[in-house]
Amino acid sequence: MTPAANPSRFADLHLHTRYSDGTFTPRELVEHAVKLGFTAIAVTDHDTLDAIPEALAAGQELGIEVIPGVEITSRIDTQELHMLAYLFGDSWHDPNLLSVLNHATRIRKERVEQFVAKLNELGVALTVEDVYACSDCGTVGRPHVAQALLKRGFVTSVDEAFTRFLKRGKPAYVERYRMEASETIGHIKRAGGVAVIAHPGLNHLDKRLHEMVDQGMSGIEVWHSRHTPAQIEHYEKMTVTLGVCATGGSDCHGLGRDGMLLGRIKLPYERVESLKARAPAKL
């Protein structure tokens, strides 16, 4: 699953913290990466950069490169996809990008309120406060609704919360706002960042990848914890065909039912350098 690498220099470019739907604080994530011998990691929480200051400070203290990033929920037509933004240098401070992400945060909060309203209509006496109590950092989403249902005893597991209430087609499901991929790529490029599609093997959008490359996408996440060997081979070939970078990351969300994914993907640091070379000057 992992590309051949210089064993002394490797990276993981897809990691989450408690600021979205992970279990680690930014510092805990950095500490685990240091213990595993990583040269660099990218913190890529969903639709927020709030973890970056703490992660950068921990990285500087502990001697590991921390790359600011974010995983932005997007779509092509009605198909959801996730776009990773790598924001080298000071590009993560870009005010326009921050404004876009703040809007996404507001939309997430409104969606949680809608989840709770639907659950209440079904006779489930959950409150918005119950949901926020399951988030250490104030960022909330569907996983926190599931955790609140479990904590209040309305379900016996997070899986049950999703299968009974929260999955698409279930009675409490609420559709989410998603930007068109072309908009997302444009925001990332204008901030001076590099856009990479996350785990394409989970989205089935191969026929549209060339379109996103034409719009300015610079890479494909080839190595991912849920990509099969055949998918890895396929997407690595596609990066050559499309002339984009091949990247990789575990998509670790901390400690959970799948264990800790950090360490399963060890991307050669040379791939990070290739990605950095794609960073544009701000438009």
C-alpha atoms as a PDB file:
ATOM      1  CA  MET A   1       0.000   0.000   0.000  1.00  0.00           C
ATOM      2  CA  THR A   2       2.893   2.322   0.716  1.00  0.00           C
ATOM      3  CA  PRO A   3       5.213   3.573  -2.057  1.00  0.00           C
ATOM      4  CA  ALA A   4       8.901   2.736  -1.938  1.00  0.00           C
ATOM      5  CA  ALA A   5      10.541   5.328   0.241  1.00  0.00           C
ATOM      6  CA  ASN A   6      13.752   6.552   1.739  1.00  0.00           C
ATOM      7  CA  PRO A   7      13.117   5.033   5.192  1.00  0.00           C
ATOM      8  CA  SER A   8      14.585   8.055   6.932  1.00  0.00           C
ATOM      9  CA  ARG A   9      12.377  10.706   5.282  1.00  0.00           C
ATOM     10  CA  PHE A  10       8.657  10.183   4.848  1.00  0.00           C
ATOM     11  CA  ALA A  11       5.370  12.030   5.251  1.00  0.00           C
ATOM     12  CA  ASP A  12       1.623  11.624   5.759  1.00  0.00           C
ATOM     13  CA  LEU A  13      -0.381  14.311   3.965  1.00  0.00           C
ATOM     14  CA  HIS A  14      -3.922  13.576   5.175  1.00  0.00           C
ATOM     15  CA  LEU A  15      -4.597  13.822   8.914  1.00  0.00           C
ATOM     16  CA  HIS A  16      -7.432  15.058  11.143  1.00  0.00           C
ATOM     17  CA  THR A  17      -7.741  16.457  14.663  1.00  0.00           C
ATOM     18  CA  ARG A  18     -10.514  17.269  17.120  1.00  0.00           C
ATOM     19  CA  TYR A  19     -11.079  20.511  15.250  1.00  0.00           C
ATOM     20  CA  SER A  20     -13.115  18.489  12.765  1.00  0.00           C
ATOM     21  CA  ASP A  21     -13.921  14.794  13.308  1.00  0.00           C
ATOM     22  CA  GLY A  22     -10.698  13.367  14.715  1.00  0.00           C
ATOM     23  CA  THR A  23      -9.911  12.314  18.280  1.00  0.00           C
ATOM     24  CA  PHE A  24      -6.421  13.822  18.680  1.00  0.00           C
ATOM     25  CA  THR A  25      -5.592  17.346  19.710  1.00  0.00           C
ATOM     26  CA  PRO A  26      -3.184  18.931  17.219  1.00  0.00           C
ATOM     27  CA  ARG A  27      -0.305  18.445  19.658  1.00  0.00           C
ATOM     28  CA  GLU A  28      -1.181  14.782  20.253  1.00  0.00           C
ATOM     29  CA  LEU A  29      -1.220  14.205  16.494  1.00  0.00           C
ATOM     30  CA  VAL A  30       2.216  15.803  16.117  1.00  0.00           C
ATOM     31  CA  GLU A  31       3.578  13.791  19.055  1.00  0.00           C
ATOM     32  CA  HIS A  32       2.392  10.500  17.513  1.00  0.00           C
ATOM     33  CA  ALA A  33       3.956  11.434  14.179  1.00  0.00           C
ATOM     34  CA  VAL A  34       7.274  12.206  15.893  1.00  0.00           C
ATOM     35  CA  LYS A  35       7.217   8.839  17.683  1.00  0.00           C
ATOM     36  CA  LEU A  36       6.698   7.106  14.336  1.00  0.00           C
ATOM     37  CA  GLY A  37       9.640   8.916  12.754  1.00  0.00           C
ATOM     38  CA  PHE A  38       7.819  11.106  10.250  1.00  0.00           C
ATOM     39  CA  THR A  39       9.716  13.948   8.597  1.00  0.00           C
ATOM     40  CA  ALA A  40       6.545  15.864   7.746  1.00  0.00           C
ATOM     41  CA  ILE A  41       2.787  15.724   8.194  1.00  0.00           C
ATOM     42  CA  ALA A  42      -0.105  17.759   6.816  1.00  0.00           C
ATOM     43  CA  VAL A  43      -3.023  18.660   9.085  1.00  0.00           C
ATOM     44  CA  THR A  44      -6.122  18.598   6.870  1.00  0.00           C
ATOM     45  CA  ASP A  45      -9.242  19.003   8.980  1.00  0.00           C
ATOM     46  CA  HIS A  46     -12.614  19.239   7.271  1.00  0.00           C
ATOM     47  CA  ASP A  47     -13.422  22.814   6.203  1.00  0.00           C
ATOM     48  CA  THR A  48     -11.387  24.486   8.957  1.00  0.00           C
ATOM     49  CA  LEU A  49      -7.851  25.709   9.631  1.00  0.00           C
ATOM     50  CA  ASP A  50      -8.401  26.149  13.370  1.00  0.00           C
ATOM     51  CA  ALA A  51      -5.936  23.392  14.330  1.00  0.00           C
ATOM     52  CA  ILE A  52      -3.046  24.883  12.377  1.00  0.00           C
ATOM     53  CA  PRO A  53      -1.566  27.324  14.946  1.00  0.00           C
ATOM     54  CA  GLU A  54      -1.308  24.655  17.657  1.00  0.00           C
ATOM     55  CA  ALA A  55       0.023  22.069  15.207  1.00  0.00           C
ATOM     56  CA  LEU A  56       2.667  24.452  13.835  1.00  0.00           C
ATOM     57  CA  ALA A  57       3.814  25.359  17.344  1.00  0.00           C
ATOM     58  CA  ALA A  58       4.083  21.699  18.335  1.00  0.00           C
ATOM     59  CA  GLY A  59       5.933  20.874  15.126  1.00  0.00           C
ATOM     60  CA  GLN A  60       8.460  23.629  15.698  1.00  0.00           C
ATOM     61  CA  GLU A  61       9.014  22.506  19.276  1.00  0.00           C
ATOM     62  CA  LEU A  62       9.323  18.792  18.455  1.00  0.00           C
ATOM     63  CA  GLY A  63      11.309  19.117  15.226  1.00  0.00           C
ATOM     64  CA  ILE A  64       8.852  17.919  12.584  1.00  0.00           C
ATOM     65  CA  GLU A  65       7.582  19.803   9.547  1.00  0.00           C
ATOM     66  CA  VAL A  66       3.860  20.578   9.771  1.00  0.00           C
ATOM     67  CA  ILE A  67       2.194  21.557   6.501  1.00  0.00           C
ATOM     68  CA  PRO A  68      -0.990  23.623   6.880  1.00  0.00           C
ATOM     69  CA  GLY A  69      -3.870  22.100   4.989  1.00  0.00           C
ATOM     70  CA  VAL A  70      -7.616  21.642   4.833  1.00  0.00           C
ATOM     71  CA  GLU A  71     -10.020  19.108   3.301  1.00  0.00           C
ATOM     72  CA  ILE A  72     -12.814  21.039   1.613  1.00  0.00           C
ATOM     73  CA  THR A  73     -16.168  19.382   0.970  1.00  0.00           C
ATOM     74  CA  SER A  74     -17.023  19.872  -2.717  1.00  0.00           C
ATOM     75  CA  ARG A  75     -19.045  18.387  -5.549  1.00  0.00           C
ATOM     76  CA  ILE A  76     -19.214  17.808  -9.273  1.00  0.00           C
ATOM     77  CA  ASP A  77     -22.859  18.074 -10.259  1.00  0.00           C
ATOM     78  CA  THR A  78     -24.510  16.127  -7.404  1.00  0.00           C
ATOM     79  CA  GLN A  79     -21.545  13.835  -6.651  1.00  0.00           C
ATOM     80  CA  GLU A  80     -19.658  14.697  -3.456  1.00  0.00           C
ATOM     81  CA  LEU A  81     -15.879  14.790  -3.421  1.00  0.00           C
ATOM     82  CA  HIS A  82     -13.231  16.125  -1.062  1.00  0.00           C
ATOM     83  CA  MET A  83     -10.466  18.462  -2.199  1.00  0.00           C
ATOM     84  CA  LEU A  84      -7.275  18.707  -0.173  1.00  0.00           C
ATOM     85  CA  ALA A  85      -5.595  22.110  -0.050  1.00  0.00           C
ATOM     86  CA  TYR A  86      -1.915  22.314   0.858  1.00  0.00           C
ATOM     87  CA  LEU A  87      -1.057  25.824   1.988  1.00  0.00           C
ATOM     88  CA  PHE A  88       2.702  26.202   2.097  1.00  0.00           C
ATOM     89  CA  GLY A  89       4.327  29.158   3.798  1.00  0.00           C
ATOM     90  CA  ASP A  90       1.889  31.845   4.881  1.00  0.00           C
ATOM     91  CA  SER A  91      -0.809  31.020   2.328  1.00  0.00           C
ATOM     92  CA  TRP A  92      -3.053  29.546   5.044  1.00  0.00           C
ATOM     93  CA  HIS A  93      -3.542  33.110   6.352  1.00  0.00           C
ATOM     94  CA  ASP A  94      -5.290  34.145   3.110  1.00  0.00           C
ATOM     95  CA  PRO A  95      -8.355  36.181   4.200  1.00  0.00           C
ATOM     96  CA  ASN A  96     -10.532  35.178   1.262  1.00  0.00           C
ATOM     97  CA  LEU A  97      -9.940  31.468   1.861  1.00  0.00           C
ATOM     98  CA  LEU A  98     -10.637  31.945   5.569  1.00  0.00           C
ATOM     99  CA  SER A  99     -13.901  33.674   4.670  1.00  0.00           C
ATOM    100  CA  VAL A 100     -14.918  30.700   2.495  1.00  0.00           C
ATOM    101  CA  LEU A 101     -14.121  28.251   5.297  1.00  0.00           C
ATOM    102  CA  ASN A 102     -15.950  30.352   7.888  1.00  0.00           C
ATOM    103  CA  HIS A 103     -19.021  30.193   5.651  1.00  0.00           C
ATOM    104  CA  ALA A 104     -18.676  26.394   5.548  1.00  0.00           C
ATOM    105  CA  THR A 105     -18.525  26.355   9.359  1.00  0.00           C
ATOM    106  CA  ARG A 106     -21.740  28.362   9.586  1.00  0.00           C
ATOM    107  CA  ILE A 107     -23.405  25.922   7.181  1.00  0.00           C
ATOM    108  CA  ARG A 108     -22.261  22.989   9.330  1.00  0.00           C
ATOM    109  CA  LYS A 109     -23.833  24.568  12.424  1.00  0.00           C
ATOM    110  CA  GLU A 110     -27.115  25.168  10.612  1.00  0.00           C
ATOM    111  CA  ARG A 111     -27.104  21.561   9.424  1.00  0.00           C
ATOM    112  CA  VAL A 112     -26.713  20.306  12.996  1.00  0.00           C
ATOM    113  CA  GLU A 113     -29.732  22.385  14.018  1.00  0.00           C
ATOM    114  CA  GLN A 114     -31.690  20.766  11.186  1.00  0.00           C
ATOM    115  CA  PHE A 115     -30.589  17.266  12.269  1.00  0.00           C
ATOM    116  CA  VAL A 116     -31.800  17.977  15.802  1.00  0.00           C
ATOM    117  CA  ALA A 117     -35.119  19.380  14.571  1.00  0.00           C
ATOM    118  CA  LYS A 118     -35.764  16.258  12.491  1.00  0.00           C
ATOM    119  CA  LEU A 119     -34.841  13.976  15.375  1.00  0.00           C
ATOM    120  CA  ASN A 120     -37.198  15.908  17.656  1.00  0.00           C
ATOM    121  CA  GLU A 121     -40.001  15.389  15.124  1.00  0.00           C
ATOM    122  CA  LEU A 122     -39.272  11.646  15.372  1.00  0.00           C
ATOM    123  CA  GLY A 123     -39.673  11.777  19.150  1.00  0.00           C
ATOM    124  CA  VAL A 124     -35.928  11.781  19.917  1.00  0.00           C
ATOM    125  CA  ALA A 125     -35.379  14.462  22.572  1.00  0.00           C
ATOM    126  CA  LEU A 126     -31.877  15.501  21.533  1.00  0.00           C
ATOM    127  CA  THR A 127     -30.739  19.128  21.850  1.00  0.00           C
ATOM    128  CA  VAL A 128     -28.178  21.209  19.999  1.00  0.00           C
ATOM    129  CA  GLU A 129     -26.358  21.567  23.324  1.00  0.00           C
ATOM    130  CA  ASP A 130     -26.063  17.765  23.512  1.00  0.00           C
ATOM    131  CA  VAL A 131     -24.279  17.803  20.158  1.00  0.00           C
ATOM    132  CA  TYR A 132     -21.888  20.600  21.076  1.00  0.00           C
ATOM    133  CA  ALA A 133     -21.018  18.743  24.290  1.00  0.00           C
ATOM    134  CA  CYS A 134     -19.508  16.010  22.084  1.00  0.00           C
ATOM    135  CA  SER A 135     -17.108  18.434  20.380  1.00  0.00           C
ATOM    136  CA  ASP A 136     -14.020  19.603  22.234  1.00  0.00           C
ATOM    137  CA  CYS A 137     -13.270  22.428  19.822  1.00  0.00           C
ATOM    138  CA  GLY A 138     -16.663  23.821  18.849  1.00  0.00           C
ATOM    139  CA  THR A 139     -16.684  22.395  15.311  1.00  0.00           C
ATOM    140  CA  VAL A 140     -19.702  20.154  14.835  1.00  0.00           C
ATOM    141  CA  GLY A 141     -20.979  17.797  12.180  1.00  0.00           C
ATOM    142  CA  ARG A 142     -22.884  14.584  11.628  1.00  0.00           C
ATOM    143  CA  PRO A 143     -20.382  12.431  13.627  1.00  0.00           C
ATOM    144  CA  HIS A 144     -21.020  14.616  16.676  1.00  0.00           C
ATOM    145  CA  VAL A 145     -24.792  14.143  16.275  1.00  0.00           C
ATOM    146  CA  ALA A 146     -24.181  10.389  16.246  1.00  0.00           C
ATOM    147  CA  GLN A 147     -22.011  10.631  19.366  1.00  0.00           C
ATOM    148  CA  ALA A 148     -24.687  12.696  21.128  1.00  0.00           C
ATOM    149  CA  LEU A 149     -27.339  10.086  20.304  1.00  0.00           C
ATOM    150  CA  LEU A 150     -25.093   7.409  21.783  1.00  0.00           C
ATOM    151  CA  LYS A 151     -24.247   9.453  24.873  1.00  0.00           C
ATOM    152  CA  ARG A 152     -27.921  10.143  25.573  1.00  0.00           C
ATOM    153  CA  GLY A 153     -28.780   6.441  25.162  1.00  0.00           C
ATOM    154  CA  PHE A 154     -30.982   6.763  22.088  1.00  0.00           C
ATOM    155  CA  VAL A 155     -28.776   4.263  20.225  1.00  0.00           C
ATOM    156  CA  THR A 156     -26.318   1.574  21.294  1.00  0.00           C
ATOM    157  CA  SER A 157     -23.539   2.535  18.868  1.00  0.00           C
ATOM    158  CA  VAL A 158     -22.451   5.262  16.467  1.00  0.00           C
ATOM    159  CA  ASP A 159     -23.103   2.824  13.615  1.00  0.00           C
ATOM    160  CA  GLU A 160     -26.694   2.445  14.761  1.00  0.00           C
ATOM    161  CA  ALA A 161     -27.106   6.229  14.832  1.00  0.00           C
ATOM    162  CA  PHE A 162     -26.135   6.392  11.187  1.00  0.00           C
ATOM    163  CA  THR A 163     -28.103   3.360  10.001  1.00  0.00           C
ATOM    164  CA  ARG A 164     -31.302   4.355  11.844  1.00  0.00           C
ATOM    165  CA  PHE A 165     -31.242   8.121  11.496  1.00  0.00           C
ATOM    166  CA  LEU A 166     -28.341   9.918   9.846  1.00  0.00           C
ATOM    167  CA  LYS A 167     -27.407   8.231   6.572  1.00  0.00           C
ATOM    168  CA  ARG A 168     -28.763   9.479   3.264  1.00  0.00           C
ATOM    169  CA  GLY A 169     -32.308   8.146   2.903  1.00  0.00           C
ATOM    170  CA  LYS A 170     -32.838   7.814   6.668  1.00  0.00           C
ATOM    171  CA  PRO A 171     -35.489   9.910   8.442  1.00  0.00           C
ATOM    172  CA  ALA A 172     -33.192  12.494  10.065  1.00  0.00           C
ATOM    173  CA  TYR A 173     -30.764  12.946   7.161  1.00  0.00           C
ATOM    174  CA  VAL A 174     -30.057  16.524   6.059  1.00  0.00           C
ATOM    175  CA  GLU A 175     -28.373  17.321   2.749  1.00  0.00           C
ATOM    176  CA  ARG A 176     -25.259  19.446   3.067  1.00  0.00           C
ATOM    177  CA  TYR A 177     -24.047  22.463   1.106  1.00  0.00           C
ATOM    178  CA  ARG A 178     -21.049  21.737  -1.115  1.00  0.00           C
ATOM    179  CA  MET A 179     -19.148  24.029  -3.449  1.00  0.00           C
ATOM    180  CA  GLU A 180     -18.548  23.054  -7.039  1.00  0.00           C
ATOM    181  CA  ALA A 181     -15.058  21.570  -7.400  1.00  0.00           C
ATOM    182  CA  SER A 182     -14.121  24.322  -9.836  1.00  0.00           C
ATOM    183  CA  GLU A 183     -14.915  26.955  -7.165  1.00  0.00           C
ATOM    184  CA  THR A 184     -12.889  25.071  -4.565  1.00  0.00           C
ATOM    185  CA  ILE A 185      -9.872  24.775  -6.853  1.00  0.00           C
ATOM    186  CA  GLY A 186     -10.100  28.467  -7.670  1.00  0.00           C
ATOM    187  CA  HIS A 187     -10.170  29.471  -3.986  1.00  0.00           C
ATOM    188  CA  ILE A 188      -7.167  27.248  -3.234  1.00  0.00           C
ATOM    189  CA  LYS A 189      -5.129  28.586  -6.149  1.00  0.00           C
ATOM    190  CA  ARG A 190      -5.921  32.212  -5.389  1.00  0.00           C
ATOM    191  CA  ALA A 191      -4.703  31.635  -1.819  1.00  0.00           C
ATOM    192  CA  GLY A 192      -1.398  30.334  -3.191  1.00  0.00           C
ATOM    193  CA  GLY A 193      -2.159  26.723  -2.309  1.00  0.00           C
ATOM    194  CA  VAL A 194      -2.078  23.407  -4.157  1.00  0.00           C
ATOM    195  CA  ALA A 195      -5.296  21.451  -4.846  1.00  0.00           C
ATOM    196  CA  VAL A 196      -5.296  17.635  -4.684  1.00  0.00           C
ATOM    197  CA  ILE A 197      -8.323  15.368  -4.937  1.00  0.00           C
ATOM    198  CA  ALA A 198      -8.694  13.140  -1.872  1.00  0.00           C
ATOM    199  CA  HIS A 199      -9.225   9.335  -2.090  1.00  0.00           C
ATOM    200  CA  PRO A 200     -10.594   9.283  -5.675  1.00  0.00           C
ATOM    201  CA  GLY A 201     -11.142   5.538  -5.408  1.00  0.00           C
ATOM    202  CA  LEU A 202     -14.046   6.259  -3.050  1.00  0.00           C
ATOM    203  CA  ASN A 203     -15.744   8.817  -5.317  1.00  0.00           C
ATOM    204  CA  HIS A 204     -15.849   7.166  -8.766  1.00  0.00           C
ATOM    205  CA  LEU A 205     -15.129  10.358 -10.686  1.00  0.00           C
ATOM    206  CA  ASP A 206     -12.284   9.145 -12.890  1.00  0.00           C
ATOM    207  CA  LYS A 207     -13.929  10.495 -16.044  1.00  0.00           C
ATOM    208  CA  ARG A 208     -13.978  13.990 -14.560  1.00  0.00           C
ATOM    209  CA  LEU A 209     -10.384  14.138 -13.282  1.00  0.00           C
ATOM    210  CA  HIS A 210      -9.066  15.674 -16.513  1.00  0.00           C
ATOM    211  CA  GLU A 211     -11.679  18.420 -16.143  1.00  0.00           C
ATOM    212  CA  MET A 212     -10.440  19.261 -12.645  1.00  0.00           C
ATOM    213  CA  VAL A 213      -6.832  19.270 -13.850  1.00  0.00           C
ATOM    214  CA  ASP A 214      -7.831  21.767 -16.548  1.00  0.00           C
ATOM    215  CA  GLN A 215      -9.315  23.916 -13.762  1.00  0.00           C
ATOM    216  CA  GLY A 216      -6.013  23.913 -11.861  1.00  0.00           C
ATOM    217  CA  MET A 217      -5.973  20.767  -9.727  1.00  0.00           C
ATOM    218  CA  SER A 218      -2.346  19.739  -9.221  1.00  0.00           C
ATOM    219  CA  GLY A 219      -2.446  16.257  -7.721  1.00  0.00           C
ATOM    220  CA  ILE A 220      -4.217  12.993  -6.997  1.00  0.00           C
ATOM    221  CA  GLU A 221      -4.111  11.200  -3.654  1.00  0.00           C
ATOM    222  CA  VAL A 222      -2.841   7.854  -4.909  1.00  0.00           C
ATOM    223  CA  TRP A 223      -1.917   6.179  -1.617  1.00  0.00           C
ATOM    224  CA  HIS A 224      -4.788   6.064   0.857  1.00  0.00           C
ATOM    225  CA  SER A 225      -5.725   3.628   3.605  1.00  0.00           C
ATOM    226  CA  ARG A 226      -8.882   2.547   1.770  1.00  0.00           C
ATOM    227  CA  HIS A 227      -7.417   2.277  -1.728  1.00  0.00           C
ATOM    228  CA  THR A 228      -6.864  -1.250  -2.994  1.00  0.00           C
ATOM    229  CA  PRO A 229      -3.542  -2.219  -4.619  1.00  0.00           C
ATOM    230  CA  ALA A 230      -5.309  -2.148  -8.005  1.00  0.00           C
ATOM    231  CA  GLN A 231      -6.618   1.370  -7.346  1.00  0.00           C
ATOM    232  CA  ILE A 232      -3.172   2.550  -6.271  1.00  0.00           C
ATOM    233  CA  GLU A 233      -1.663   1.249  -9.492  1.00  0.00           C
ATOM    234  CA  HIS A 234      -4.497   2.783 -11.522  1.00  0.00           C
ATOM    235  CA  TYR A 235      -4.242   6.263  -9.987  1.00  0.00           C
ATOM    236  CA  GLU A 236      -0.467   6.312 -10.109  1.00  0.00           C
ATOM    237  CA  LYS A 237      -0.748   5.737 -13.867  1.00  0.00           C
ATOM    238  CA  MET A 238      -3.358   8.480 -14.091  1.00  0.00           C
ATOM    239  CA  THR A 239      -0.998  11.009 -12.503  1.00  0.00           C
ATOM    240  CA  VAL A 240       1.460  10.303 -15.288  1.00  0.00           C
ATOM    241  CA  THR A 241      -1.216  10.561 -17.970  1.00  0.00           C
ATOM    242  CA  LEU A 242      -2.587  13.821 -16.547  1.00  0.00           C
ATOM    243  CA  GLY A 243       0.784  15.318 -15.633  1.00  0.00           C
ATOM    244  CA  VAL A 244      -0.020  15.876 -11.947  1.00  0.00           C
ATOM    245  CA  CYS A 245       1.589  14.971  -8.612  1.00  0.00           C
ATOM    246  CA  ALA A 246       1.009  11.648  -6.886  1.00  0.00           C
ATOM    247  CA  THR A 247       0.417  12.188  -3.149  1.00  0.00           C
ATOM    248  CA  GLY A 248      -0.697  10.065  -0.235  1.00  0.00           C
ATOM    249  CA  GLY A 249      -2.029  10.048   3.288  1.00  0.00           C
ATOM    250  CA  SER A 250      -3.607   7.734   5.815  1.00  0.00           C
ATOM    251  CA  ASP A 251      -6.718   9.870   6.471  1.00  0.00           C
ATOM    252  CA  CYS A 252      -6.127   9.155  10.154  1.00  0.00           C
ATOM    253  CA  HIS A 253      -8.873  10.417  12.469  1.00  0.00           C
ATOM    254  CA  GLY A 254      -7.159   9.219  15.638  1.00  0.00           C
ATOM    255  CA  LEU A 255      -8.107   6.210  17.711  1.00  0.00           C
ATOM    256  CA  GLY A 256     -11.309   4.514  16.646  1.00  0.00           C
ATOM    257  CA  ARG A 257     -12.835   1.293  15.449  1.00  0.00           C
ATOM    258  CA  ASP A 258     -10.198   0.944  12.717  1.00  0.00           C
ATOM    259  CA  GLY A 259      -7.350   1.632  15.115  1.00  0.00           C
ATOM    260  CA  MET A 260      -4.844   4.371  14.429  1.00  0.00           C
ATOM    261  CA  LEU A 261      -4.118   4.670  10.702  1.00  0.00           C
ATOM    262  CA  LEU A 262      -1.133   6.969  11.213  1.00  0.00           C
ATOM    263  CA  GLY A 263       1.925   5.031  10.076  1.00  0.00           C
ATOM    264  CA  ARG A 264       0.177   2.935   7.420  1.00  0.00           C
ATOM    265  CA  ILE A 265       1.041   5.384   4.649  1.00  0.00           C
ATOM    266  CA  LYS A 266       4.642   6.587   4.462  1.00  0.00           C
ATOM    267  CA  LEU A 267       4.968   8.903   1.501  1.00  0.00           C
ATOM    268  CA  PRO A 268       8.546   9.513   0.324  1.00  0.00           C
ATOM    269  CA  TYR A 269       9.503  13.084   1.160  1.00  0.00           C
ATOM    270  CA  GLU A 270      10.464  13.602  -2.482  1.00  0.00           C
ATOM    271  CA  ARG A 271       6.722  13.561  -3.214  1.00  0.00           C
ATOM    272  CA  VAL A 272       6.261  16.458  -0.798  1.00  0.00           C
ATOM    273  CA  GLU A 273       8.978  18.410  -2.588  1.00  0.00           C
ATOM    274  CA  SER A 274       7.233  17.790  -5.922  1.00  0.00           C
ATOM    275  CA  LEU A 275       4.002  19.097  -4.430  1.00  0.00           C
ATOM    276  CA  LYS A 276       5.711  22.212  -3.093  1.00  0.00           C
ATOM    277  CA  ALA A 277       7.067  22.909  -6.556  1.00  0.00           C
ATOM    278  CA  ARG A 278       3.447  23.225  -7.776  1.00  0.00           C
ATOM    279  CA  ALA A 279       2.569  26.003  -5.321  1.00  0.00           C
ATOM    280  CA  PRO A 280       1.647  29.089  -7.342  1.00  0.00           C
ATOM    281  CA  ALA A 281       2.357  32.682  -6.513  1.00  0.00           C
ATOM    282  CA  LYS A 282      -0.879  34.234  -5.264  1.00  0.00           C
ATOM    283  CA  LEU A 283      -3.045  35.221  -8.194  1.00  0.00           C
END
